[in-house]
PDB file of all heavy atoms in Angstrom:
ATOM      1  N   GLY A   1      75.654 -19.544-134.332  1.00  0.00           N
ATOM      2  CA  GLY A   1      76.575 -19.306-135.432  1.00  0.00           C
ATOM      3  C   GLY A   1      75.846 -18.767-136.643  1.00  0.00           C
ATOM      4  O   GLY A   1      74.662 -18.419-136.572  1.00  0.00           O
ATOM      5  N   ASN A   2      76.559 -18.717-137.750  1.00  0.00           N
ATOM      6  CA  ASN A   2      76.020 -18.077-138.953  1.00  0.00           C
ATOM      7  C   ASN A   2      75.717 -19.053-140.077  1.00  0.00           C
ATOM      8  O   ASN A   2      75.555 -18.637-141.227  1.00  0.00           O
ATOM      9  CB  ASN A   2      77.021 -17.023-139.456  1.00  0.00           C
ATOM     10  CG  ASN A   2      77.220 -15.897-138.467  1.00  0.00           C
ATOM     11  OD1 ASN A   2      76.258 -15.249-138.056  1.00  0.00           O
ATOM     12  ND2 ASN A   2      78.463 -15.660-138.084  1.00  0.00           N
ATOM     13  N   ALA A   3      75.608 -20.347-139.774  1.00  0.00           N
ATOM     14  CA  ALA A   3      75.402 -21.335-140.847  1.00  0.00           C
ATOM     15  C   ALA A   3      74.119 -21.060-141.623  1.00  0.00           C
ATOM     16  O   ALA A   3      74.119 -21.066-142.862  1.00  0.00           O
ATOM     17  CB  ALA A   3      75.386 -22.742-140.262  1.00  0.00           C
ATOM     18  N   ASP A   4      73.029 -20.857-140.920  1.00  0.00           N
ATOM     19  CA  ASP A   4      71.756 -20.632-141.612  1.00  0.00           C
ATOM     20  C   ASP A   4      71.805 -19.385-142.486  1.00  0.00           C
ATOM     21  O   ASP A   4      71.301 -19.382-143.616  1.00  0.00           O
ATOM     22  CB  ASP A   4      70.617 -20.528-140.590  1.00  0.00           C
ATOM     23  CG  ASP A   4      70.287 -21.866-139.943  1.00  0.00           C
ATOM     24  OD1 ASP A   4      70.679 -22.904-140.500  1.00  0.00           O
ATOM     25  OD2 ASP A   4      69.655 -21.859-138.867  1.00  0.00           O
ATOM     26  N   THR A   5      72.404 -18.331-141.961  1.00  0.00           N
ATOM     27  CA  THR A   5      72.490 -17.088-142.723  1.00  0.00           C
ATOM     28  C   THR A   5      73.380 -17.255-143.948  1.00  0.00           C
ATOM     29  O   THR A   5      73.060 -16.764-145.039  1.00  0.00           O
ATOM     30  CB  THR A   5      73.026 -15.952-141.836  1.00  0.00           C
ATOM     31  OG1 THR A   5      72.243 -15.871-140.641  1.00  0.00           O
ATOM     32  CG2 THR A   5      72.955 -14.616-142.551  1.00  0.00           C
ATOM     33  N   LEU A   6      74.493 -17.954-143.798  1.00  0.00           N
ATOM     34  CA  LEU A   6      75.364 -18.214-144.949  1.00  0.00           C
ATOM     35  C   LEU A   6      74.627 -18.981-146.040  1.00  0.00           C
ATOM     36  O   LEU A   6      74.708 -18.634-147.222  1.00  0.00           O
ATOM     37  CB  LEU A   6      76.592 -19.003-144.504  1.00  0.00           C
ATOM     38  CG  LEU A   6      77.747 -18.202-143.906  1.00  0.00           C
ATOM     39  CD1 LEU A   6      78.754 -19.123-143.221  1.00  0.00           C
ATOM     40  CD2 LEU A   6      78.446 -17.367-144.975  1.00  0.00           C
ATOM     41  N   ASN A   7      73.894 -20.015-145.642  1.00  0.00           N
ATOM     42  CA  ASN A   7      73.153 -20.799-146.635  1.00  0.00           C
ATOM     43  C   ASN A   7      72.053 -19.978-147.295  1.00  0.00           C
ATOM     44  O   ASN A   7      71.807 -20.108-148.500  1.00  0.00           O
ATOM     45  CB  ASN A   7      72.566 -22.049-145.982  1.00  0.00           C
ATOM     46  CG  ASN A   7      73.630 -23.079-145.667  1.00  0.00           C
ATOM     47  OD1 ASN A   7      74.644 -23.172-146.360  1.00  0.00           O
ATOM     48  ND2 ASN A   7      73.426 -23.854-144.612  1.00  0.00           N
ATOM     49  N   ALA A   8      71.386 -19.130-146.520  1.00  0.00           N
ATOM     50  CA  ALA A   8      70.331 -18.286-147.081  1.00  0.00           C
ATOM     51  C   ALA A   8      70.888 -17.316-148.118  1.00  0.00           C
ATOM     52  O   ALA A   8      70.173 -16.905-149.043  1.00  0.00           O
ATOM     53  CB  ALA A   8      69.620 -17.518-145.963  1.00  0.00           C
ATOM     54  N   GLN A   9      72.175 -16.954-147.974  1.00  0.00           N
ATOM     55  CA  GLN A   9      72.819 -16.021-148.905  1.00  0.00           C
ATOM     56  C   GLN A   9      73.719 -16.756-149.916  1.00  0.00           C
ATOM     57  O   GLN A   9      74.568 -16.114-150.553  1.00  0.00           O
ATOM     58  CB  GLN A   9      73.639 -14.977-148.128  1.00  0.00           C
ATOM     59  CG  GLN A   9      72.778 -14.092-147.242  1.00  0.00           C
ATOM     60  CD  GLN A   9      73.533 -12.913-146.633  1.00  0.00           C
ATOM     61  OE1 GLN A   9      72.924 -12.065-145.966  1.00  0.00           O
ATOM     62  NE2 GLN A   9      74.836 -12.803-146.848  1.00  0.00           N
ATOM     63  N   ASP A  10      73.523 -18.070-150.069  1.00  0.00           N
ATOM     64  CA  ASP A  10      74.308 -18.868-151.014  1.00  0.00           C
ATOM     65  C   ASP A  10      75.804 -18.746-150.727  1.00  0.00           C
ATOM     66  O   ASP A  10      76.641 -18.779-151.629  1.00  0.00           O
ATOM     67  CB  ASP A  10      74.016 -18.446-152.459  1.00  0.00           C
ATOM     68  CG  ASP A  10      74.588 -19.426-153.481  1.00  0.00           C
ATOM     69  OD1 ASP A  10      74.751 -20.621-153.142  1.00  0.00           O
ATOM     70  OD2 ASP A  10      74.902 -18.997-154.612  1.00  0.00           O
ATOM     71  N   GLY A  11      76.164 -18.590-149.443  1.00  0.00           N
ATOM     72  CA  GLY A  11      77.561 -18.475-149.052  1.00  0.00           C
ATOM     73  C   GLY A  11      78.192 -17.125-149.309  1.00  0.00           C
ATOM     74  O   GLY A  11      79.369 -16.910-148.992  1.00  0.00           O
ATOM     75  N   LEU A  12      77.446 -16.194-149.872  1.00  0.00           N
ATOM     76  CA  LEU A  12      77.998 -14.886-150.242  1.00  0.00           C
ATOM     77  C   LEU A  12      77.965 -13.913-149.061  1.00  0.00           C
ATOM     78  O   LEU A  12      77.063 -13.944-148.237  1.00  0.00           O
ATOM     79  CB  LEU A  12      77.209 -14.288-151.404  1.00  0.00           C
ATOM     80  CG  LEU A  12      77.171 -15.097-152.701  1.00  0.00           C
ATOM     81  CD1 LEU A  12      76.227 -14.431-153.701  1.00  0.00           C
ATOM     82  CD2 LEU A  12      78.571 -15.228-153.291  1.00  0.00           C
ATOM     83  N   PHE A  13      78.957 -13.046-149.010  1.00  0.00           N
ATOM     84  CA  PHE A  13      78.948 -11.932-148.047  1.00  0.00           C
ATOM     85  C   PHE A  13      79.854 -10.838-148.594  1.00  0.00           C
ATOM     86  O   PHE A  13      80.686 -11.071-149.487  1.00  0.00           O
ATOM     87  CB  PHE A  13      79.414 -12.381-146.658  1.00  0.00           C
ATOM     88  CG  PHE A  13      80.875 -12.712-146.573  1.00  0.00           C
ATOM     89  CD1 PHE A  13      81.810 -11.758-146.196  1.00  0.00           C
ATOM     90  CD2 PHE A  13      81.327 -13.987-146.882  1.00  0.00           C
ATOM     91  CE1 PHE A  13      83.160 -12.064-146.126  1.00  0.00           C
ATOM     92  CE2 PHE A  13      82.678 -14.312-146.813  1.00  0.00           C
ATOM     93  CZ  PHE A  13      83.600 -13.338-146.439  1.00  0.00           C
ATOM     94  N   THR A  14      79.694  -9.649-148.045  1.00  0.00           N
ATOM     95  CA  THR A  14      80.463  -8.496-148.500  1.00  0.00           C
ATOM     96  C   THR A  14      81.569  -8.180-147.508  1.00  0.00           C
ATOM     97  O   THR A  14      81.319  -8.069-146.309  1.00  0.00           O
ATOM     98  CB  THR A  14      79.559  -7.262-148.640  1.00  0.00           C
ATOM     99  OG1 THR A  14      78.443  -7.590-149.487  1.00  0.00           O
ATOM    100  CG2 THR A  14      80.317  -6.087-149.230  1.00  0.00           C
ATOM    101  N   LEU A  15      82.778  -8.063-148.012  1.00  0.00           N
ATOM    102  CA  LEU A  15      83.905  -7.625-147.194  1.00  0.00           C
ATOM    103  C   LEU A  15      84.133  -6.140-147.428  1.00  0.00           C
ATOM    104  O   LEU A  15      84.257  -5.697-148.574  1.00  0.00           O
ATOM    105  CB  LEU A  15      85.165  -8.408-147.559  1.00  0.00           C
ATOM    106  CG  LEU A  15      86.434  -8.015-146.805  1.00  0.00           C
ATOM    107  CD1 LEU A  15      86.309  -8.332-145.315  1.00  0.00           C
ATOM    108  CD2 LEU A  15      87.658  -8.719-147.405  1.00  0.00           C
ATOM    109  N   VAL A  16      84.165  -5.377-146.342  1.00  0.00           N
ATOM    110  CA  VAL A  16      84.427  -3.946-146.401  1.00  0.00           C
ATOM    111  C   VAL A  16      85.770  -3.693-145.722  1.00  0.00           C
ATOM    112  O   VAL A  16      85.937  -3.980-144.536  1.00  0.00           O
ATOM    113  CB  VAL A  16      83.325  -3.137-145.699  1.00  0.00           C
ATOM    114  CG1 VAL A  16      83.615  -1.641-145.790  1.00  0.00           C
ATOM    115  CG2 VAL A  16      81.949  -3.453-146.289  1.00  0.00           C
ATOM    116  N   GLU A  17      86.724  -3.198-146.481  1.00  0.00           N
ATOM    117  CA  GLU A  17      88.043  -2.865-145.934  1.00  0.00           C
ATOM    118  C   GLU A  17      88.113  -1.360-145.720  1.00  0.00           C
ATOM    119  O   GLU A  17      87.925  -0.582-146.659  1.00  0.00           O
ATOM    120  CB  GLU A  17      89.147  -3.315-146.894  1.00  0.00           C
ATOM    121  CG  GLU A  17      89.213  -4.821-147.073  1.00  0.00           C
ATOM    122  CD  GLU A  17      90.284  -5.246-148.056  1.00  0.00           C
ATOM    123  OE1 GLU A  17      90.546  -4.483-149.017  1.00  0.00           O
ATOM    124  OE2 GLU A  17      90.847  -6.321-147.858  1.00  0.00           O
ATOM    125  N   ARG A  18      88.406  -0.978-144.479  1.00  0.00           N
ATOM    126  CA  ARG A  18      88.459   0.439-144.119  1.00  0.00           C
ATOM    127  C   ARG A  18      89.729   0.723-143.325  1.00  0.00           C
ATOM    128  O   ARG A  18      90.040   0.010-142.376  1.00  0.00           O
ATOM    129  CB  ARG A  18      87.261   0.822-143.253  1.00  0.00           C
ATOM    130  CG  ARG A  18      85.927   0.851-143.959  1.00  0.00           C
ATOM    131  CD  ARG A  18      84.819   1.092-142.955  1.00  0.00           C
ATOM    132  NE  ARG A  18      83.552   1.406-143.593  1.00  0.00           N
ATOM    133  CZ  ARG A  18      82.412   1.540-142.941  1.00  0.00           C
ATOM    134  NH1 ARG A  18      82.377   1.382-141.620  1.00  0.00           N
ATOM    135  NH2 ARG A  18      81.293   1.840-143.580  1.00  0.00           N
ATOM    136  N   GLY A  19      90.426   1.768-143.716  1.00  0.00           N
ATOM    137  CA  GLY A  19      91.613   2.124-142.954  1.00  0.00           C
ATOM    138  C   GLY A  19      92.511   3.055-143.725  1.00  0.00           C
ATOM    139  O   GLY A  19      92.063   3.783-144.626  1.00  0.00           O
ATOM    140  N   LEU A  20      93.791   3.038-143.371  1.00  0.00           N
ATOM    141  CA  LEU A  20      94.788   3.878-144.018  1.00  0.00           C
ATOM    142  C   LEU A  20      95.756   3.015-144.802  1.00  0.00           C
ATOM    143  O   LEU A  20      96.172   1.951-144.337  1.00  0.00           O
ATOM    144  CB  LEU A  20      95.568   4.686-142.974  1.00  0.00           C
ATOM    145  CG  LEU A  20      94.763   5.668-142.105  1.00  0.00           C
ATOM    146  CD1 LEU A  20      95.665   6.294-141.056  1.00  0.00           C
ATOM    147  CD2 LEU A  20      94.120   6.744-142.964  1.00  0.00           C
ATOM    148  N   GLU A  21      96.115   3.476-145.977  1.00  0.00           N
ATOM    149  CA  GLU A  21      97.179   2.865-146.769  1.00  0.00           C
ATOM    150  C   GLU A  21      98.066   3.979-147.292  1.00  0.00           C
ATOM    151  O   GLU A  21      97.602   4.868-148.006  1.00  0.00           O
ATOM    152  CB  GLU A  21      96.614   2.051-147.936  1.00  0.00           C
ATOM    153  CG  GLU A  21      96.092   0.684-147.524  1.00  0.00           C
ATOM    154  CD  GLU A  21      95.746  -0.188-148.716  1.00  0.00           C
ATOM    155  OE1 GLU A  21      95.676   0.354-149.845  1.00  0.00           O
ATOM    156  OE2 GLU A  21      95.521  -1.392-148.531  1.00  0.00           O
ATOM    157  N   ASN A  22      99.332   3.942-146.873  1.00  0.00           N
ATOM    158  CA  ASN A  22     100.284   4.992-147.257  1.00  0.00           C
ATOM    159  C   ASN A  22      99.756   6.371-146.887  1.00  0.00           C
ATOM    160  O   ASN A  22      99.913   7.340-147.635  1.00  0.00           O
ATOM    161  CB  ASN A  22     100.589   4.918-148.754  1.00  0.00           C
ATOM    162  CG  ASN A  22     101.198   3.588-149.141  1.00  0.00           C
ATOM    163  OD1 ASN A  22     102.054   3.059-148.444  1.00  0.00           O
ATOM    164  ND2 ASN A  22     100.740   3.035-150.260  1.00  0.00           N
ATOM    165  N   GLY A  23      99.114   6.442-145.712  1.00  0.00           N
ATOM    166  CA  GLY A  23      98.623   7.703-145.192  1.00  0.00           C
ATOM    167  C   GLY A  23      97.292   8.164-145.744  1.00  0.00           C
ATOM    168  O   GLY A  23      96.767   9.192-145.311  1.00  0.00           O
ATOM    169  N   LYS A  24      96.720   7.436-146.691  1.00  0.00           N
ATOM    170  CA  LYS A  24      95.460   7.846-147.302  1.00  0.00           C
ATOM    171  C   LYS A  24      94.310   6.972-146.805  1.00  0.00           C
ATOM    172  O   LYS A  24      94.467   5.756-146.648  1.00  0.00           O
ATOM    173  CB  LYS A  24      95.550   7.753-148.828  1.00  0.00           C
ATOM    174  CG  LYS A  24      96.577   8.692-149.439  1.00  0.00           C
ATOM    175  CD  LYS A  24      96.603   8.554-150.957  1.00  0.00           C
ATOM    176  CE  LYS A  24      97.629   9.495-151.569  1.00  0.00           C
ATOM    177  NZ  LYS A  24      97.674   9.365-153.056  1.00  0.00           N
TER     178      LYS A  24
END
């Protein structure tokens, strides 16, 4: 799992949203 990695990053992570919204 990712427990160690989460703790090493102080619980932080980046969410990247990719796709189409209203055709764009």
